C-alpha atoms as a PDB file:
ATOM      1  CA  SER A   1      16.411  -8.381   4.384  1.00  0.00           C
ATOM      2  CA  PHE A   2      14.549 -10.223   2.225  1.00  0.00           C
ATOM      3  CA  THR A   3      14.456  -7.473  -0.221  1.00  0.00           C
ATOM      4  CA  PHE A   4      18.512  -7.209  -0.350  1.00  0.00           C
ATOM      5  CA  PHE A   5      18.368 -10.780  -1.481  1.00  0.00           C
ATOM      6  CA  ALA A   6      15.840 -10.660  -4.168  1.00  0.00           C
ATOM      7  CA  LEU A   7      17.531  -7.266  -5.669  1.00  0.00           C
ATOM      8  CA  ALA A   8      21.030  -9.312  -5.374  1.00  0.00           C
ATOM      9  CA  TYR A   9      19.415 -12.623  -7.056  1.00  0.00           C
ATOM     10  CA  TYR A  10      17.063 -11.124  -9.651  1.00  0.00           C
ATOM     11  CA  ARG A  11      20.204  -8.419 -10.591  1.00  0.00           C
ATOM     12  CA  LEU A  12      20.485  -9.952 -13.883  1.00  0.00           C
ATOM     13  CA  ASN A  13      17.124 -10.604 -14.853  1.00  0.00           C
ATOM     14  CA  ASN A  14      15.673  -7.496 -15.187  1.00  0.00           C
ATOM     15  CA  PRO A  15      12.938  -7.633 -12.149  1.00  0.00           C
ATOM     16  CA  LYS A  16       9.882  -5.140 -10.836  1.00  0.00           C
ATOM     17  CA  LEU A  17      10.248  -5.748  -7.139  1.00  0.00           C
ATOM     18  CA  PHE A  18       7.307  -4.500  -4.943  1.00  0.00           C
ATOM     19  CA  ILE A  19       7.504  -3.232  -1.727  1.00  0.00           C
ATOM     20  CA  PHE A  20       5.556  -2.897   1.138  1.00  0.00           C
ATOM     21  CA  GLU A  21       6.231  -1.440   4.290  1.00  0.00           C
ATOM     22  CA  PRO A  22       2.790  -0.318   6.869  1.00  0.00           C
ATOM     23  CA  ASN A  23       4.781   1.566   9.472  1.00  0.00           C
ATOM     24  CA  SER A  24       6.137   4.740   9.048  1.00  0.00           C
ATOM     25  CA  GLU A  25      10.412   4.601  10.678  1.00  0.00           C
ATOM     26  CA  ASN A  26      10.110   1.030   8.641  1.00  0.00           C
ATOM     27  CA  PHE A  27       9.524   2.684   5.870  1.00  0.00           C
ATOM     28  CA  MET A  28      11.478   5.485   5.472  1.00  0.00           C
ATOM     29  CA  TYR A  29      14.843   3.134   6.951  1.00  0.00           C
ATOM     30  CA  LEU A  30      13.300   0.719   3.797  1.00  0.00           C
ATOM     31  CA  LYS A  31      13.549   4.109   1.474  1.00  0.00           C
ATOM     32  CA  HIS A  32      17.112   4.435   2.605  1.00  0.00           C
ATOM     33  CA  ASN A  33      18.445   0.588   2.352  1.00  0.00           C
ATOM     34  CA  VAL A  34      16.748  -0.243  -0.573  1.00  0.00           C
ATOM     35  CA  ALA A  35      18.387   3.268  -2.230  1.00  0.00           C
ATOM     36  CA  ALA A  36      21.577   2.550  -0.679  1.00  0.00           C
ATOM     37  CA  ASN A  37      21.676  -0.874  -2.285  1.00  0.00           C
ATOM     38  CA  ALA A  38      20.056  -1.093  -5.781  1.00  0.00           C
ATOM     39  CA  GLY A  39      22.117   2.304  -7.747  1.00  0.00           C
ATOM     40  CA  GLU A  40      20.965   3.530 -10.419  1.00  0.00           C
ATOM     41  CA  ARG A  41      18.370   0.972 -11.525  1.00  0.00           C
ATOM     42  CA  ASN A  42      14.873   2.299 -11.167  1.00  0.00           C
ATOM     43  CA  PHE A  43      13.309  -1.965 -10.910  1.00  0.00           C
ATOM     44  CA  TYR A  44      11.518  -1.501  -7.676  1.00  0.00           C
ATOM     45  CA  ARG A  45       9.053   0.524  -6.517  1.00  0.00           C
ATOM     46  CA  LEU A  46       8.363   0.782  -2.334  1.00  0.00           C
ATOM     47  CA  TYR A  47       5.075   1.707  -1.046  1.00  0.00           C
ATOM     48  CA  HIS A  48       3.783   2.828   2.227  1.00  0.00           C
ATOM     49  CA  CYS A  49       1.090   0.592   3.164  1.00  0.00           C
ATOM     50  CA  ALA A  50      -0.184  -2.954   4.312  1.00  0.00           C
ATOM     51  CA  ILE A  51      -1.353  -5.436   1.849  1.00  0.00           C
ATOM     52  CA  GLY A  52      -4.809  -6.018   3.065  1.00  0.00           C
ATOM     53  CA  THR A  53      -8.479  -7.239   1.895  1.00  0.00           C
ATOM     54  CA  TYR A  54      -9.194  -3.951   0.975  1.00  0.00           C
ATOM     55  CA  ASP A  55      -8.389  -0.351  -0.116  1.00  0.00           C
ATOM     56  CA  GLY A  56      -8.412   2.379   2.904  1.00  0.00           C
ATOM     57  CA  VAL A  57      -6.548   3.061   6.306  1.00  0.00           C
ATOM     58  CA  ALA A  58      -6.261   0.761   8.851  1.00  0.00           C
ATOM     59  CA  LYS A  59      -5.086   1.061  12.605  1.00  0.00           C
ATOM     60  CA  LEU A  60      -1.096  -0.299  12.817  1.00  0.00           C
ATOM     61  CA  ASP A  61      -0.621  -1.868  16.648  1.00  0.00           C
ATOM     62  CA  THR A  62       3.206  -0.446  16.947  1.00  0.00           C
ATOM     63  CA  SER A  63       2.931  -1.600  20.283  1.00  0.00           C
ATOM     64  CA  LYS A  64       5.339  -4.917  19.949  1.00  0.00           C
ATOM     65  CA  GLY A  65       8.563  -5.354  18.401  1.00  0.00           C
ATOM     66  CA  ASN A  66       9.778  -3.869  15.151  1.00  0.00           C
ATOM     67  CA  ASP A  67       9.422  -6.620  13.519  1.00  0.00           C
ATOM     68  CA  ALA A  68       5.728  -7.597  14.851  1.00  0.00           C
ATOM     69  CA  HIS A  69       3.781  -4.762  13.899  1.00  0.00           C
ATOM     70  CA  ARG A  70       0.304  -5.695  13.022  1.00  0.00           C
ATOM     71  CA  LEU A  71      -2.833  -4.211  11.555  1.00  0.00           C
ATOM     72  CA  SER A  72      -5.363  -4.383  14.546  1.00  0.00           C
ATOM     73  CA  GLN A  73      -9.346  -3.087  14.853  1.00  0.00           C
ATOM     74  CA  ASN A  74      -8.576  -2.397  18.588  1.00  0.00           C
ATOM     75  CA  PRO A  75      -4.804  -2.266  19.376  1.00  0.00           C
ATOM     76  CA  LYS A  76      -4.116  -2.775  22.897  1.00  0.00           C
ATOM     77  CA  GLY A  77      -1.409  -0.104  22.769  1.00  0.00           C
ATOM     78  CA  THR A  78       0.519   2.869  20.800  1.00  0.00           C
ATOM     79  CA  TYR A  79      -0.487   2.678  17.058  1.00  0.00           C
ATOM     80  CA  GLU A  80      -0.449   4.740  13.578  1.00  0.00           C
ATOM     81  CA  LEU A  81      -2.768   4.766  10.914  1.00  0.00           C
ATOM     82  CA  CYS A  82      -1.716   3.324   7.962  1.00  0.00           C
ATOM     83  CA  PRO A  83      -2.952   3.024   4.204  1.00  0.00           C
ATOM     84  CA  VAL A  84      -3.634  -0.661   3.587  1.00  0.00           C
ATOM     85  CA  ARG A  85      -4.260  -1.913  -0.422  1.00  0.00           C
ATOM     86  CA  THR A  86      -5.418  -5.253  -2.059  1.00  0.00           C
ATOM     87  CA  LEU A  87      -3.061  -6.963  -3.869  1.00  0.00           C
ATOM     88  CA  GLN A  88      -5.325  -6.560  -6.502  1.00  0.00           C
ATOM     89  CA  SER A  89      -6.298  -2.877  -6.847  1.00  0.00           C
ATOM     90  CA  VAL A  90      -1.920  -2.891  -6.663  1.00  0.00           C
ATOM     91  CA  ALA A  91      -1.529  -5.269  -9.506  1.00  0.00           C
ATOM     92  CA  THR A  92      -4.207  -2.941 -11.574  1.00  0.00           C
ATOM     93  CA  GLN A  93      -2.495  -0.043 -11.034  1.00  0.00           C
ATOM     94  CA  GLU A  94       1.066  -1.246 -11.938  1.00  0.00           C
ATOM     95  CA  GLN A  95      -0.471  -3.317 -14.607  1.00  0.00           C
ATOM     96  CA  VAL A  96       1.009  -6.885 -12.941  1.00  0.00           C
ATOM     97  CA  THR A  97      -0.848 -10.206 -14.841  1.00  0.00           C
ATOM     98  CA  ARG A  98       1.671 -12.727 -12.957  1.00  0.00           C
ATOM     99  CA  ILE A  99       3.985 -12.711 -10.301  1.00  0.00           C
ATOM    100  CA  ASP A 100       6.721 -14.546 -10.333  1.00  0.00           C
ATOM    101  CA  ILE A 101       7.183 -14.969  -6.096  1.00  0.00           C
ATOM    102  CA  LEU A 102       4.958 -12.948  -3.669  1.00  0.00           C
ATOM    103  CA  LYS A 103       6.891 -13.855  -0.081  1.00  0.00           C
ATOM    104  CA  LEU A 104       4.045 -12.065   2.512  1.00  0.00           C
ATOM    105  CA  ASP A 105       4.954 -11.783   5.995  1.00  0.00           C
ATOM    106  CA  ILE A 106       2.151  -9.589   7.220  1.00  0.00           C
ATOM    107  CA  GLU A 107       2.424 -10.675  10.916  1.00  0.00           C
ATOM    108  CA  GLY A 108      -1.207 -12.819  11.151  1.00  0.00           C
ATOM    109  CA  GLY A 109      -2.668 -10.631   8.325  1.00  0.00           C
ATOM    110  CA  GLU A 110      -2.153 -13.952   6.382  1.00  0.00           C
ATOM    111  CA  TYR A 111      -5.162 -15.148   7.545  1.00  0.00           C
ATOM    112  CA  ASP A 112      -7.645 -12.614   6.877  1.00  0.00           C
ATOM    113  CA  LEU A 113      -5.800 -12.270   3.099  1.00  0.00           C
ATOM    114  CA  LEU A 114      -6.355 -16.096   2.560  1.00  0.00           C
ATOM    115  CA  ASP A 115     -10.318 -16.383   3.387  1.00  0.00           C
ATOM    116  CA  HIS A 116     -10.298 -13.322   1.631  1.00  0.00           C
ATOM    117  CA  LYS A 117     -12.315 -15.077  -1.690  1.00  0.00           C
ATOM    118  CA  GLU A 118     -11.400 -12.335  -4.320  1.00  0.00           C
ATOM    119  CA  SER A 119      -8.175 -11.820  -2.719  1.00  0.00           C
ATOM    120  CA  PHE A 120      -7.239 -15.521  -2.754  1.00  0.00           C
ATOM    121  CA  GLU A 121      -9.018 -15.873  -6.646  1.00  0.00           C
ATOM    122  CA  PHE A 122      -6.149 -13.524  -7.202  1.00  0.00           C
ATOM    123  CA  LEU A 123      -3.124 -15.622  -5.389  1.00  0.00           C
ATOM    124  CA  LYS A 124      -4.750 -18.819  -7.538  1.00  0.00           C
ATOM    125  CA  ASN A 125      -4.684 -16.809 -11.147  1.00  0.00           C
ATOM    126  CA  HIS A 126      -1.797 -14.421 -11.154  1.00  0.00           C
ATOM    127  CA  VAL A 127       1.109 -16.050  -8.468  1.00  0.00           C
ATOM    128  CA  VAL A 128       3.400 -19.034  -9.239  1.00  0.00           C
ATOM    129  CA  PHE A 129       5.197 -19.046  -5.519  1.00  0.00           C
ATOM    130  CA  ILE A 130       4.362 -17.769  -2.685  1.00  0.00           C
ATOM    131  CA  ILE A 131       6.396 -17.647   0.661  1.00  0.00           C
ATOM    132  CA  LEU A 132       4.258 -17.589   3.148  1.00  0.00           C
ATOM    133  CA  GLU A 133       5.834 -16.682   6.809  1.00  0.00           C
ATOM    134  CA  TYR A 134       2.874 -17.532   8.949  1.00  0.00           C
ATOM    135  CA  HIS A 135       2.042 -16.970  13.170  1.00  0.00           C
ATOM    136  CA  VAL A 136      -0.324 -19.329  14.910  1.00  0.00           C
ATOM    137  CA  HIS A 137      -3.187 -16.921  16.589  1.00  0.00           C
ATOM    138  CA  ASN A 138      -5.211 -20.206  18.200  1.00  0.00           C
ATOM    139  CA  SER A 139      -6.171 -24.006  17.466  1.00  0.00           C
ATOM    140  CA  LEU A 140      -7.989 -22.840  14.224  1.00  0.00           C
ATOM    141  CA  PHE A 141      -5.554 -20.416  12.572  1.00  0.00           C
ATOM    142  CA  ASN A 142      -2.341 -22.485  12.157  1.00  0.00           C
ATOM    143  CA  ALA A 143      -0.161 -24.219   9.488  1.00  0.00           C
ATOM    144  CA  GLN A 144      -2.995 -27.307   9.020  1.00  0.00           C
ATOM    145  CA  TRP A 145      -6.091 -23.807   8.361  1.00  0.00           C
ATOM    146  CA  ILE A 146      -2.586 -23.126   5.699  1.00  0.00           C
ATOM    147  CA  HIS A 147      -2.390 -26.350   4.296  1.00  0.00           C
ATOM    148  CA  ALA A 148      -6.332 -27.106   4.280  1.00  0.00           C
ATOM    149  CA  ARG A 149      -6.402 -23.614   2.331  1.00  0.00           C
ATOM    150  CA  PHE A 150      -4.209 -24.101  -0.505  1.00  0.00           C
ATOM    151  CA  HIS A 151      -3.947 -28.040  -1.239  1.00  0.00           C
ATOM    152  CA  ARG A 152      -6.272 -27.421  -3.876  1.00  0.00           C
ATOM    153  CA  ASP A 153      -4.474 -24.972  -5.991  1.00  0.00           C
ATOM    154  CA  PHE A 154      -0.852 -24.910  -4.686  1.00  0.00           C
ATOM    155  CA  ASP A 155       1.781 -27.514  -3.731  1.00  0.00           C
ATOM    156  CA  LEU A 156       3.811 -27.324  -0.932  1.00  0.00           C
ATOM    157  CA  ILE A 157       7.233 -27.287  -2.179  1.00  0.00           C
ATOM    158  CA  PHE A 158       9.162 -26.871   1.180  1.00  0.00           C
ATOM    159  CA  GLU A 159       8.174 -25.918   4.766  1.00  0.00           C
ATOM    160  CA  ARG A 160      10.686 -24.347   7.488  1.00  0.00           C
ATOM    161  CA  GLY A 161       9.475 -23.142  10.813  1.00  0.00           C
ATOM    162  CA  GLU A 162       6.861 -21.129  10.470  1.00  0.00           C
ATOM    163  CA  VAL A 163       7.541 -20.549   6.753  1.00  0.00           C
ATOM    164  CA  MET A 164       6.083 -22.764   3.371  1.00  0.00           C
ATOM    165  CA  PHE A 165       7.035 -22.130  -0.209  1.00  0.00           C
ATOM    166  CA  TRP A 166       3.847 -23.094  -2.132  1.00  0.00           C
ATOM    167  CA  GLN A 167       3.659 -23.211  -5.790  1.00  0.00           C
ATOM    168  CA  ASN A 168       0.675 -22.568  -8.554  1.00  0.00           C
ATOM    169  CA  LYS A 169      -0.707 -26.157  -9.416  1.00  0.00           C
ATOM    170  CA  ARG A 170      -2.254 -24.266 -12.610  1.00  0.00           C
ATOM    171  CA  MET A 171       1.016 -21.608 -13.313  1.00  0.00           C
ATOM    172  CA  ARG A 172       3.631 -24.690 -13.057  1.00  0.00           C
ATOM    173  CA  LYS A 173       3.646 -25.412 -16.408  1.00  0.00           C
ATOM    174  CA  LYS A 174       4.399 -22.051 -17.543  1.00  0.00           C
ATOM    175  CA  ILE A 175       7.258 -21.692 -15.992  1.00  0.00           C
END
């Protein structure tokens, strides 16, 4: 649904949208829905992959609901293999040097991504705003952990439920 919001909102501003979906069935629906709603304009790229801390292949746990699929080394039920890409490798491939808004909804993978040195450096140096949906895993990986990770480099704009909206402190003046 965020894709359609972004398509409608940024339609007049010559956007470039990069949309990632690791699940094969969801990707099929995504392709169909985006094509039906984007019209003839070609300002988006769809990627059938997960965003992670390496380029390769991973197991996508599909045993839970359609909106709760996540990468897992040892899935407890059904899974499918899916490609994984880093933000850095996609940005290099697409020649992207600045991301105005990055929405991360990676079903618990946010902690690995934010704890990964190269990935976090990429965020600090290239992303203006981050909309982050987080999932509480345990007493260590929760909202406080995310606040501690972001506070030096990003300002919290707002937080509602399990969604946080951050602004890059260094890139604030470049908007």
